[in-house]
């Protein structure tokens, strides 16, 4: 008997996500953005202030956060950075703290972790009635897990100080994910609990709020070749990440599995390079003014 399909637990998601990162250029793509664009973007933050307040929403294990903090340190030497983190996953929070403990170059940075979802943080802020303002807020690849995206963006935008900036990183409309979600949604199981949102869904919200923003598009790829190899453990974990489902290849009806594998090979989703199947993981970096 085939076990029934179920969604990934928080721990299983962490494992599946690791597999995705190991085979994609997602972090390299963010690194390129950090190097080429970030210094200019953060140059005007907190003019004349001795402390910059930063908020990371859905910061995960903190690798990207610390890269951005180091850019802030380089662009604003001698300025103290007050960094707060909103992250619900306890494993991620523990890994982030460990990363900070191992970093010798973060003397002028304070860290406060809120092990909460973005909604729980918002509710806590409203209950306490203390609305702290931040010079820089970033929401990296996290809006898929948010119930009410417009109100979440509106709340965190309201947390910006004068001349503050909000950075949202989300999948591009040109990504394979966008095509998969639009054209081949019937191939995805009901156990996939995330929201299918790409850049245009976010810019529509920003336009309705009447806030200035600029979009940077960056190419990124994900090598999914192993997803087509019968019994491959790495391919299995990648399919779990793609579908939000535990052991998708072992529990999905064969017809659904075949349909999804066929959809992944469509030219709007992926391309073939040197015999490898590269799924388009293009990203949009949206910089929002206060």
C-alpha atoms as a PDB file:
ATOM      1  CA  UNK A   1       0.000   0.000   0.000  1.00  0.00           C
ATOM      2  CA  UNK A   2       1.329   3.457  -0.933  1.00  0.00           C
ATOM      3  CA  UNK A   3       1.453   5.829   2.075  1.00  0.00           C
ATOM      4  CA  UNK A   4      -0.749   8.905   1.702  1.00  0.00           C
ATOM      5  CA  UNK A   5       0.667  12.266   0.617  1.00  0.00           C
ATOM      6  CA  UNK A   6       1.356  14.890   3.272  1.00  0.00           C
ATOM      7  CA  UNK A   7       2.964  18.334   3.506  1.00  0.00           C
ATOM      8  CA  UNK A   8       6.560  18.773   4.697  1.00  0.00           C
ATOM      9  CA  UNK A   9       7.085  19.494   8.400  1.00  0.00           C
ATOM     10  CA  UNK A  10       9.304  22.470   9.339  1.00  0.00           C
ATOM     11  CA  UNK A  11      12.293  20.117   9.829  1.00  0.00           C
ATOM     12  CA  UNK A  12      11.714  18.326   6.523  1.00  0.00           C
ATOM     13  CA  UNK A  13      11.397  21.657   4.734  1.00  0.00           C
ATOM     14  CA  UNK A  14      14.846  22.664   6.064  1.00  0.00           C
ATOM     15  CA  UNK A  15      16.359  19.470   4.586  1.00  0.00           C
ATOM     16  CA  UNK A  16      14.590  19.879   1.235  1.00  0.00           C
ATOM     17  CA  UNK A  17      15.605  23.553   1.064  1.00  0.00           C
ATOM     18  CA  UNK A  18      19.279  22.635   1.666  1.00  0.00           C
ATOM     19  CA  UNK A  19      19.088  20.304  -1.317  1.00  0.00           C
ATOM     20  CA  UNK A  20      17.636  23.127  -3.419  1.00  0.00           C
ATOM     21  CA  UNK A  21      20.392  25.568  -2.399  1.00  0.00           C
ATOM     22  CA  UNK A  22      23.152  23.041  -3.125  1.00  0.00           C
ATOM     23  CA  UNK A  23      21.951  22.622  -6.707  1.00  0.00           C
ATOM     24  CA  UNK A  24      20.825  26.168  -7.540  1.00  0.00           C
ATOM     25  CA  UNK A  25      22.594  29.490  -8.090  1.00  0.00           C
ATOM     26  CA  UNK A  26      20.113  31.297  -5.809  1.00  0.00           C
ATOM     27  CA  UNK A  27      22.693  32.532  -3.283  1.00  0.00           C
ATOM     28  CA  UNK A  28      25.264  33.327  -6.012  1.00  0.00           C
ATOM     29  CA  UNK A  29      22.568  35.409  -7.705  1.00  0.00           C
ATOM     30  CA  UNK A  30      21.935  37.302  -4.436  1.00  0.00           C
ATOM     31  CA  UNK A  31      25.703  37.750  -3.978  1.00  0.00           C
ATOM     32  CA  UNK A  32      25.916  39.378  -7.398  1.00  0.00           C
ATOM     33  CA  UNK A  33      23.089  41.759  -6.470  1.00  0.00           C
ATOM     34  CA  UNK A  34      24.830  42.525  -3.140  1.00  0.00           C
ATOM     35  CA  UNK A  35      28.067  43.356  -4.924  1.00  0.00           C
ATOM     36  CA  UNK A  36      26.666  45.329  -7.880  1.00  0.00           C
ATOM     37  CA  UNK A  37      23.660  47.158  -6.426  1.00  0.00           C
ATOM     38  CA  UNK A  38      23.490  47.021  -2.633  1.00  0.00           C
ATOM     39  CA  UNK A  39      26.239  49.572  -1.788  1.00  0.00           C
ATOM     40  CA  UNK A  40      24.399  52.259  -3.806  1.00  0.00           C
ATOM     41  CA  UNK A  41      20.992  51.229  -2.418  1.00  0.00           C
ATOM     42  CA  UNK A  42      22.076  51.497   1.240  1.00  0.00           C
ATOM     43  CA  UNK A  43      24.327  54.568   0.830  1.00  0.00           C
ATOM     44  CA  UNK A  44      21.572  57.046   1.724  1.00  0.00           C
ATOM     45  CA  UNK A  45      20.263  55.192   4.776  1.00  0.00           C
ATOM     46  CA  UNK A  46      20.176  56.888   8.196  1.00  0.00           C
ATOM     47  CA  UNK A  47      22.025  60.025   7.116  1.00  0.00           C
ATOM     48  CA  UNK A  48      23.872  61.462  10.106  1.00  0.00           C
ATOM     49  CA  UNK A  49      22.724  58.704  12.491  1.00  0.00           C
ATOM     50  CA  UNK A  50      25.161  56.897  14.773  1.00  0.00           C
ATOM     51  CA  UNK A  51      22.959  53.765  14.736  1.00  0.00           C
ATOM     52  CA  UNK A  52      21.235  52.014  11.819  1.00  0.00           C
ATOM     53  CA  UNK A  53      18.188  49.881  12.648  1.00  0.00           C
ATOM     54  CA  UNK A  54      17.735  46.785  10.490  1.00  0.00           C
ATOM     55  CA  UNK A  55      14.907  44.243  10.449  1.00  0.00           C
ATOM     56  CA  UNK A  56      15.104  40.867   8.709  1.00  0.00           C
ATOM     57  CA  UNK A  57      11.723  39.199   8.154  1.00  0.00           C
ATOM     58  CA  UNK A  58      11.860  35.452   7.542  1.00  0.00           C
ATOM     59  CA  UNK A  59      15.643  35.524   7.780  1.00  0.00           C
ATOM     60  CA  UNK A  60      16.186  31.769   7.861  1.00  0.00           C
ATOM     61  CA  UNK A  61      19.683  30.747   8.941  1.00  0.00           C
ATOM     62  CA  UNK A  62      21.096  34.249   8.496  1.00  0.00           C
ATOM     63  CA  UNK A  63      23.701  33.855   5.742  1.00  0.00           C
ATOM     64  CA  UNK A  64      22.129  36.534   3.561  1.00  0.00           C
ATOM     65  CA  UNK A  65      21.450  38.800   6.555  1.00  0.00           C
ATOM     66  CA  UNK A  66      25.100  38.814   7.588  1.00  0.00           C
ATOM     67  CA  UNK A  67      26.230  39.559   4.025  1.00  0.00           C
ATOM     68  CA  UNK A  68      23.961  42.622   3.999  1.00  0.00           C
ATOM     69  CA  UNK A  69      25.155  43.712   7.435  1.00  0.00           C
ATOM     70  CA  UNK A  70      28.764  43.568   6.208  1.00  0.00           C
ATOM     71  CA  UNK A  71      27.802  45.774   3.244  1.00  0.00           C
ATOM     72  CA  UNK A  72      26.193  48.262   5.657  1.00  0.00           C
ATOM     73  CA  UNK A  73      29.384  48.209   7.751  1.00  0.00           C
ATOM     74  CA  UNK A  74      31.520  48.887   4.661  1.00  0.00           C
ATOM     75  CA  UNK A  75      29.301  51.708   3.373  1.00  0.00           C
ATOM     76  CA  UNK A  76      28.720  53.262   6.830  1.00  0.00           C
ATOM     77  CA  UNK A  77      31.998  52.675   8.725  1.00  0.00           C
ATOM     78  CA  UNK A  78      31.867  53.185  12.485  1.00  0.00           C
ATOM     79  CA  UNK A  79      28.065  53.183  12.615  1.00  0.00           C
ATOM     80  CA  UNK A  80      26.424  50.832  15.143  1.00  0.00           C
ATOM     81  CA  UNK A  81      23.925  48.372  13.616  1.00  0.00           C
ATOM     82  CA  UNK A  82      20.911  47.350  15.639  1.00  0.00           C
ATOM     83  CA  UNK A  83      19.693  44.167  13.907  1.00  0.00           C
ATOM     84  CA  UNK A  84      16.395  42.458  14.689  1.00  0.00           C
ATOM     85  CA  UNK A  85      15.246  39.177  13.186  1.00  0.00           C
ATOM     86  CA  UNK A  86      11.767  37.706  12.753  1.00  0.00           C
ATOM     87  CA  UNK A  87      12.016  33.965  12.037  1.00  0.00           C
ATOM     88  CA  UNK A  88       9.560  31.280  13.196  1.00  0.00           C
ATOM     89  CA  UNK A  89      11.668  28.159  12.573  1.00  0.00           C
ATOM     90  CA  UNK A  90      13.606  27.200  15.766  1.00  0.00           C
ATOM     91  CA  UNK A  91      16.244  25.270  13.780  1.00  0.00           C
ATOM     92  CA  UNK A  92      16.893  28.316  11.614  1.00  0.00           C
ATOM     93  CA  UNK A  93      17.167  30.613  14.646  1.00  0.00           C
ATOM     94  CA  UNK A  94      19.678  28.246  16.301  1.00  0.00           C
ATOM     95  CA  UNK A  95      21.769  28.057  13.097  1.00  0.00           C
ATOM     96  CA  UNK A  96      21.699  31.874  12.747  1.00  0.00           C
ATOM     97  CA  UNK A  97      22.899  32.332  16.364  1.00  0.00           C
ATOM     98  CA  UNK A  98      25.716  29.849  15.742  1.00  0.00           C
ATOM     99  CA  UNK A  99      26.759  31.778  12.622  1.00  0.00           C
ATOM    100  CA  UNK A 100      26.902  35.019  14.641  1.00  0.00           C
ATOM    101  CA  UNK A 101      28.967  33.325  17.388  1.00  0.00           C
ATOM    102  CA  UNK A 102      31.536  32.272  14.798  1.00  0.00           C
ATOM    103  CA  UNK A 103      31.816  35.743  13.201  1.00  0.00           C
ATOM    104  CA  UNK A 104      34.654  37.865  14.633  1.00  0.00           C
ATOM    105  CA  UNK A 105      33.811  40.965  12.557  1.00  0.00           C
ATOM    106  CA  UNK A 106      30.420  41.844  14.041  1.00  0.00           C
ATOM    107  CA  UNK A 107      31.514  43.872  17.089  1.00  0.00           C
ATOM    108  CA  UNK A 108      29.404  46.906  16.245  1.00  0.00           C
ATOM    109  CA  UNK A 109      26.230  44.889  15.699  1.00  0.00           C
ATOM    110  CA  UNK A 110      23.547  43.888  18.195  1.00  0.00           C
ATOM    111  CA  UNK A 111      21.143  41.015  17.525  1.00  0.00           C
ATOM    112  CA  UNK A 112      17.618  40.436  18.794  1.00  0.00           C
ATOM    113  CA  UNK A 113      15.724  37.376  17.578  1.00  0.00           C
ATOM    114  CA  UNK A 114      11.931  37.143  17.590  1.00  0.00           C
ATOM    115  CA  UNK A 115      10.986  33.497  17.052  1.00  0.00           C
ATOM    116  CA  UNK A 116       7.675  34.453  15.495  1.00  0.00           C
ATOM    117  CA  UNK A 117       5.902  34.463  12.153  1.00  0.00           C
ATOM    118  CA  UNK A 118       5.624  37.854  10.466  1.00  0.00           C
ATOM    119  CA  UNK A 119       1.939  37.979  11.452  1.00  0.00           C
ATOM    120  CA  UNK A 120       2.711  37.169  15.115  1.00  0.00           C
ATOM    121  CA  UNK A 121       5.345  39.929  15.116  1.00  0.00           C
ATOM    122  CA  UNK A 122       2.858  42.389  13.599  1.00  0.00           C
ATOM    123  CA  UNK A 123       0.224  41.471  16.215  1.00  0.00           C
ATOM    124  CA  UNK A 124       2.793  41.836  19.026  1.00  0.00           C
ATOM    125  CA  UNK A 125       3.830  45.302  17.802  1.00  0.00           C
ATOM    126  CA  UNK A 126       0.193  46.420  17.613  1.00  0.00           C
ATOM    127  CA  UNK A 127      -0.639  45.004  21.064  1.00  0.00           C
ATOM    128  CA  UNK A 128       2.326  46.696  22.723  1.00  0.00           C
ATOM    129  CA  UNK A 129       1.616  49.959  20.915  1.00  0.00           C
ATOM    130  CA  UNK A 130       5.373  50.567  20.425  1.00  0.00           C
ATOM    131  CA  UNK A 131       5.958  50.943  16.706  1.00  0.00           C
ATOM    132  CA  UNK A 132       9.718  50.821  16.248  1.00  0.00           C
ATOM    133  CA  UNK A 133      11.019  52.296  12.983  1.00  0.00           C
ATOM    134  CA  UNK A 134      13.785  50.768  10.878  1.00  0.00           C
ATOM    135  CA  UNK A 135      16.216  52.208   8.331  1.00  0.00           C
ATOM    136  CA  UNK A 136      16.386  48.973   6.353  1.00  0.00           C
ATOM    137  CA  UNK A 137      13.968  46.026   6.233  1.00  0.00           C
ATOM    138  CA  UNK A 138      14.409  42.960   4.064  1.00  0.00           C
ATOM    139  CA  UNK A 139      12.009  40.144   3.196  1.00  0.00           C
ATOM    140  CA  UNK A 140      13.960  37.540   1.248  1.00  0.00           C
ATOM    141  CA  UNK A 141      12.010  34.747  -0.457  1.00  0.00           C
ATOM    142  CA  UNK A 142       9.461  34.581   2.379  1.00  0.00           C
ATOM    143  CA  UNK A 143       6.159  36.008   1.111  1.00  0.00           C
ATOM    144  CA  UNK A 144       5.088  32.561  -0.195  1.00  0.00           C
ATOM    145  CA  UNK A 145       4.382  31.567   3.425  1.00  0.00           C
ATOM    146  CA  UNK A 146       2.329  34.635   4.372  1.00  0.00           C
ATOM    147  CA  UNK A 147      -1.482  34.500   4.562  1.00  0.00           C
ATOM    148  CA  UNK A 148      -2.322  38.116   3.664  1.00  0.00           C
ATOM    149  CA  UNK A 149       0.433  39.448   1.414  1.00  0.00           C
ATOM    150  CA  UNK A 150      -0.929  43.009   0.834  1.00  0.00           C
ATOM    151  CA  UNK A 151      -1.484  43.703   4.545  1.00  0.00           C
ATOM    152  CA  UNK A 152       1.940  42.210   5.428  1.00  0.00           C
ATOM    153  CA  UNK A 153       3.705  44.485   2.932  1.00  0.00           C
ATOM    154  CA  UNK A 154       1.664  47.467   4.127  1.00  0.00           C
ATOM    155  CA  UNK A 155       2.556  46.797   7.784  1.00  0.00           C
ATOM    156  CA  UNK A 156       6.307  46.361   7.229  1.00  0.00           C
ATOM    157  CA  UNK A 157       6.411  49.375   4.912  1.00  0.00           C
ATOM    158  CA  UNK A 158       4.861  51.361   7.799  1.00  0.00           C
ATOM    159  CA  UNK A 159       7.824  50.239   9.951  1.00  0.00           C
ATOM    160  CA  UNK A 160      10.279  52.203   7.754  1.00  0.00           C
ATOM    161  CA  UNK A 161      11.877  55.356   9.126  1.00  0.00           C
ATOM    162  CA  UNK A 162      12.232  58.482   6.932  1.00  0.00           C
ATOM    163  CA  UNK A 163      14.476  57.666   3.948  1.00  0.00           C
ATOM    164  CA  UNK A 164      14.322  53.993   4.951  1.00  0.00           C
ATOM    165  CA  UNK A 165      14.209  51.188   2.377  1.00  0.00           C
ATOM    166  CA  UNK A 166      12.444  47.845   2.123  1.00  0.00           C
ATOM    167  CA  UNK A 167      14.016  45.079   0.031  1.00  0.00           C
ATOM    168  CA  UNK A 168      11.741  42.284  -1.174  1.00  0.00           C
ATOM    169  CA  UNK A 169      13.315  39.340  -3.007  1.00  0.00           C
ATOM    170  CA  UNK A 170      10.802  37.164  -4.841  1.00  0.00           C
ATOM    171  CA  UNK A 171      10.674  34.871  -7.857  1.00  0.00           C
ATOM    172  CA  UNK A 172      10.612  36.653 -11.214  1.00  0.00           C
ATOM    173  CA  UNK A 173       7.688  36.446 -13.642  1.00  0.00           C
ATOM    174  CA  UNK A 174      10.251  35.046 -16.103  1.00  0.00           C
ATOM    175  CA  UNK A 175      11.083  32.100 -13.805  1.00  0.00           C
ATOM    176  CA  UNK A 176      10.092  28.501 -14.401  1.00  0.00           C
ATOM    177  CA  UNK A 177       8.130  28.681 -11.153  1.00  0.00           C
ATOM    178  CA  UNK A 178       5.850  31.369 -12.644  1.00  0.00           C
ATOM    179  CA  UNK A 179       5.102  29.152 -15.673  1.00  0.00           C
ATOM    180  CA  UNK A 180       4.639  26.073 -13.496  1.00  0.00           C
ATOM    181  CA  UNK A 181       2.198  27.890 -11.201  1.00  0.00           C
ATOM    182  CA  UNK A 182       0.257  29.559 -14.025  1.00  0.00           C
ATOM    183  CA  UNK A 183       0.148  26.884 -16.722  1.00  0.00           C
ATOM    184  CA  UNK A 184       0.704  23.607 -14.888  1.00  0.00           C
ATOM    185  CA  UNK A 185      -0.939  24.157 -11.508  1.00  0.00           C
ATOM    186  CA  UNK A 186      -2.912  20.928 -11.998  1.00  0.00           C
ATOM    187  CA  UNK A 187       0.416  19.057 -11.732  1.00  0.00           C
ATOM    188  CA  UNK A 188       1.019  20.309  -8.194  1.00  0.00           C
ATOM    189  CA  UNK A 189      -0.472  18.426  -5.240  1.00  0.00           C
ATOM    190  CA  UNK A 190      -2.887  19.935  -2.694  1.00  0.00           C
ATOM    191  CA  UNK A 191      -0.189  19.255  -0.056  1.00  0.00           C
ATOM    192  CA  UNK A 192       1.814  22.201  -1.487  1.00  0.00           C
ATOM    193  CA  UNK A 193       0.931  24.794   1.159  1.00  0.00           C
ATOM    194  CA  UNK A 194       2.805  27.840  -0.159  1.00  0.00           C
ATOM    195  CA  UNK A 195       1.306  30.771  -2.077  1.00  0.00           C
ATOM    196  CA  UNK A 196       2.053  31.048  -5.761  1.00  0.00           C
ATOM    197  CA  UNK A 197       3.327  34.626  -5.889  1.00  0.00           C
ATOM    198  CA  UNK A 198       5.852  36.247  -8.227  1.00  0.00           C
ATOM    199  CA  UNK A 199       7.138  39.774  -8.811  1.00  0.00           C
ATOM    200  CA  UNK A 200       4.080  41.193 -10.591  1.00  0.00           C
ATOM    201  CA  UNK A 201       1.863  40.198  -7.658  1.00  0.00           C
ATOM    202  CA  UNK A 202       4.089  42.259  -5.356  1.00  0.00           C
ATOM    203  CA  UNK A 203       4.427  45.304  -7.645  1.00  0.00           C
ATOM    204  CA  UNK A 204       0.611  45.419  -7.968  1.00  0.00           C
ATOM    205  CA  UNK A 205       0.389  45.715  -4.174  1.00  0.00           C
ATOM    206  CA  UNK A 206       3.071  48.433  -4.129  1.00  0.00           C
ATOM    207  CA  UNK A 207       1.268  50.379  -6.865  1.00  0.00           C
ATOM    208  CA  UNK A 208      -2.009  50.195  -4.915  1.00  0.00           C
ATOM    209  CA  UNK A 209      -0.152  51.562  -1.858  1.00  0.00           C
ATOM    210  CA  UNK A 210       1.257  54.355  -4.016  1.00  0.00           C
ATOM    211  CA  UNK A 211       4.858  53.748  -2.953  1.00  0.00           C
ATOM    212  CA  UNK A 212       7.935  54.252  -5.125  1.00  0.00           C
ATOM    213  CA  UNK A 213       9.868  51.126  -5.998  1.00  0.00           C
ATOM    214  CA  UNK A 214      12.422  49.802  -8.437  1.00  0.00           C
ATOM    215  CA  UNK A 215      12.807  46.230  -9.718  1.00  0.00           C
ATOM    216  CA  UNK A 216      16.131  44.533 -10.517  1.00  0.00           C
ATOM    217  CA  UNK A 217      15.952  41.244 -12.455  1.00  0.00           C
ATOM    218  CA  UNK A 218      18.673  38.627 -11.960  1.00  0.00           C
ATOM    219  CA  UNK A 219      19.075  35.274 -13.723  1.00  0.00           C
ATOM    220  CA  UNK A 220      19.373  32.138 -11.586  1.00  0.00           C
ATOM    221  CA  UNK A 221      19.192  28.422 -12.373  1.00  0.00           C
ATOM    222  CA  UNK A 222      18.426  25.198 -10.517  1.00  0.00           C
ATOM    223  CA  UNK A 223      19.867  21.911 -11.784  1.00  0.00           C
ATOM    224  CA  UNK A 224      16.955  19.453 -11.469  1.00  0.00           C
ATOM    225  CA  UNK A 225      18.464  16.650 -13.593  1.00  0.00           C
ATOM    226  CA  UNK A 226      18.304  14.153 -10.701  1.00  0.00           C
ATOM    227  CA  UNK A 227      14.530  14.702 -10.397  1.00  0.00           C
ATOM    228  CA  UNK A 228      14.171  12.446 -13.434  1.00  0.00           C
ATOM    229  CA  UNK A 229      16.407   9.633 -12.150  1.00  0.00           C
ATOM    230  CA  UNK A 230      14.365   6.809 -10.660  1.00  0.00           C
ATOM    231  CA  UNK A 231      15.223   6.229  -6.971  1.00  0.00           C
ATOM    232  CA  UNK A 232      17.721   9.117  -6.739  1.00  0.00           C
ATOM    233  CA  UNK A 233      17.747  10.456  -3.135  1.00  0.00           C
ATOM    234  CA  UNK A 234      18.827  13.987  -4.124  1.00  0.00           C
ATOM    235  CA  UNK A 235      16.193  14.115  -6.868  1.00  0.00           C
ATOM    236  CA  UNK A 236      13.623  12.943  -4.331  1.00  0.00           C
ATOM    237  CA  UNK A 237      14.471  15.753  -1.901  1.00  0.00           C
ATOM    238  CA  UNK A 238      14.372  18.325  -4.706  1.00  0.00           C
ATOM    239  CA  UNK A 239      10.925  17.106  -5.784  1.00  0.00           C
ATOM    240  CA  UNK A 240       9.817  17.356  -2.141  1.00  0.00           C
ATOM    241  CA  UNK A 241      10.969  20.996  -2.112  1.00  0.00           C
ATOM    242  CA  UNK A 242       9.300  21.723  -5.435  1.00  0.00           C
ATOM    243  CA  UNK A 243       5.946  20.267  -4.313  1.00  0.00           C
ATOM    244  CA  UNK A 244       6.060  21.009  -0.559  1.00  0.00           C
ATOM    245  CA  UNK A 245       5.294  17.305  -0.117  1.00  0.00           C
ATOM    246  CA  UNK A 246       7.083  14.575   1.864  1.00  0.00           C
ATOM    247  CA  UNK A 247       8.340  11.792  -0.405  1.00  0.00           C
ATOM    248  CA  UNK A 248       6.390  13.088  -3.402  1.00  0.00           C
ATOM    249  CA  UNK A 249       7.947  10.565  -5.805  1.00  0.00           C
ATOM    250  CA  UNK A 250       7.024   7.675  -3.465  1.00  0.00           C
ATOM    251  CA  UNK A 251       3.507   8.770  -2.524  1.00  0.00           C
ATOM    252  CA  UNK A 252       2.080  10.696  -5.510  1.00  0.00           C
ATOM    253  CA  UNK A 253      -0.138   8.867  -7.988  1.00  0.00           C
ATOM    254  CA  UNK A 254       2.081   7.827 -10.949  1.00  0.00           C
ATOM    255  CA  UNK A 255       0.018   9.894 -13.416  1.00  0.00           C
ATOM    256  CA  UNK A 256       0.518  13.079 -11.350  1.00  0.00           C
ATOM    257  CA  UNK A 257       4.238  12.359 -11.051  1.00  0.00           C
ATOM    258  CA  UNK A 258       4.579  11.916 -14.812  1.00  0.00           C
ATOM    259  CA  UNK A 259       2.573  15.095 -15.529  1.00  0.00           C
ATOM    260  CA  UNK A 260       4.767  17.151 -13.217  1.00  0.00           C
ATOM    261  CA  UNK A 261       7.995  15.732 -14.653  1.00  0.00           C
ATOM    262  CA  UNK A 262       6.727  16.505 -18.163  1.00  0.00           C
ATOM    263  CA  UNK A 263       5.791  20.069 -17.139  1.00  0.00           C
ATOM    264  CA  UNK A 264       9.256  20.637 -15.651  1.00  0.00           C
ATOM    265  CA  UNK A 265      10.804  19.858 -19.039  1.00  0.00           C
ATOM    266  CA  UNK A 266       8.707  22.432 -20.912  1.00  0.00           C
ATOM    267  CA  UNK A 267      10.786  25.258 -22.477  1.00  0.00           C
ATOM    268  CA  UNK A 268       8.992  27.910 -20.397  1.00  0.00           C
ATOM    269  CA  UNK A 269      10.170  26.120 -17.238  1.00  0.00           C
ATOM    270  CA  UNK A 270      13.655  24.849 -18.020  1.00  0.00           C
ATOM    271  CA  UNK A 271      16.425  24.515 -20.571  1.00  0.00           C
ATOM    272  CA  UNK A 272      18.983  21.789 -21.301  1.00  0.00           C
ATOM    273  CA  UNK A 273      22.689  22.562 -20.971  1.00  0.00           C
ATOM    274  CA  UNK A 274      25.381  19.913 -21.522  1.00  0.00           C
ATOM    275  CA  UNK A 275      22.808  17.206 -20.915  1.00  0.00           C
ATOM    276  CA  UNK A 276      21.646  18.774 -17.613  1.00  0.00           C
ATOM    277  CA  UNK A 277      18.100  20.057 -17.022  1.00  0.00           C
ATOM    278  CA  UNK A 278      18.298  23.624 -15.642  1.00  0.00           C
ATOM    279  CA  UNK A 279      15.063  24.978 -14.179  1.00  0.00           C
ATOM    280  CA  UNK A 280      14.745  28.769 -14.382  1.00  0.00           C
ATOM    281  CA  UNK A 281      14.959  30.216 -10.864  1.00  0.00           C
ATOM    282  CA  UNK A 282      15.213  33.891 -11.946  1.00  0.00           C
ATOM    283  CA  UNK A 283      14.799  36.374  -9.100  1.00  0.00           C
ATOM    284  CA  UNK A 284      13.371  39.878  -8.785  1.00  0.00           C
ATOM    285  CA  UNK A 285      14.889  42.269  -6.235  1.00  0.00           C
ATOM    286  CA  UNK A 286      12.339  44.976  -5.405  1.00  0.00           C
ATOM    287  CA  UNK A 287      13.629  48.057  -3.597  1.00  0.00           C
ATOM    288  CA  UNK A 288      10.826  50.057  -1.982  1.00  0.00           C
ATOM    289  CA  UNK A 289      11.204  53.655  -0.757  1.00  0.00           C
ATOM    290  CA  UNK A 290       9.685  54.787   2.547  1.00  0.00           C
END
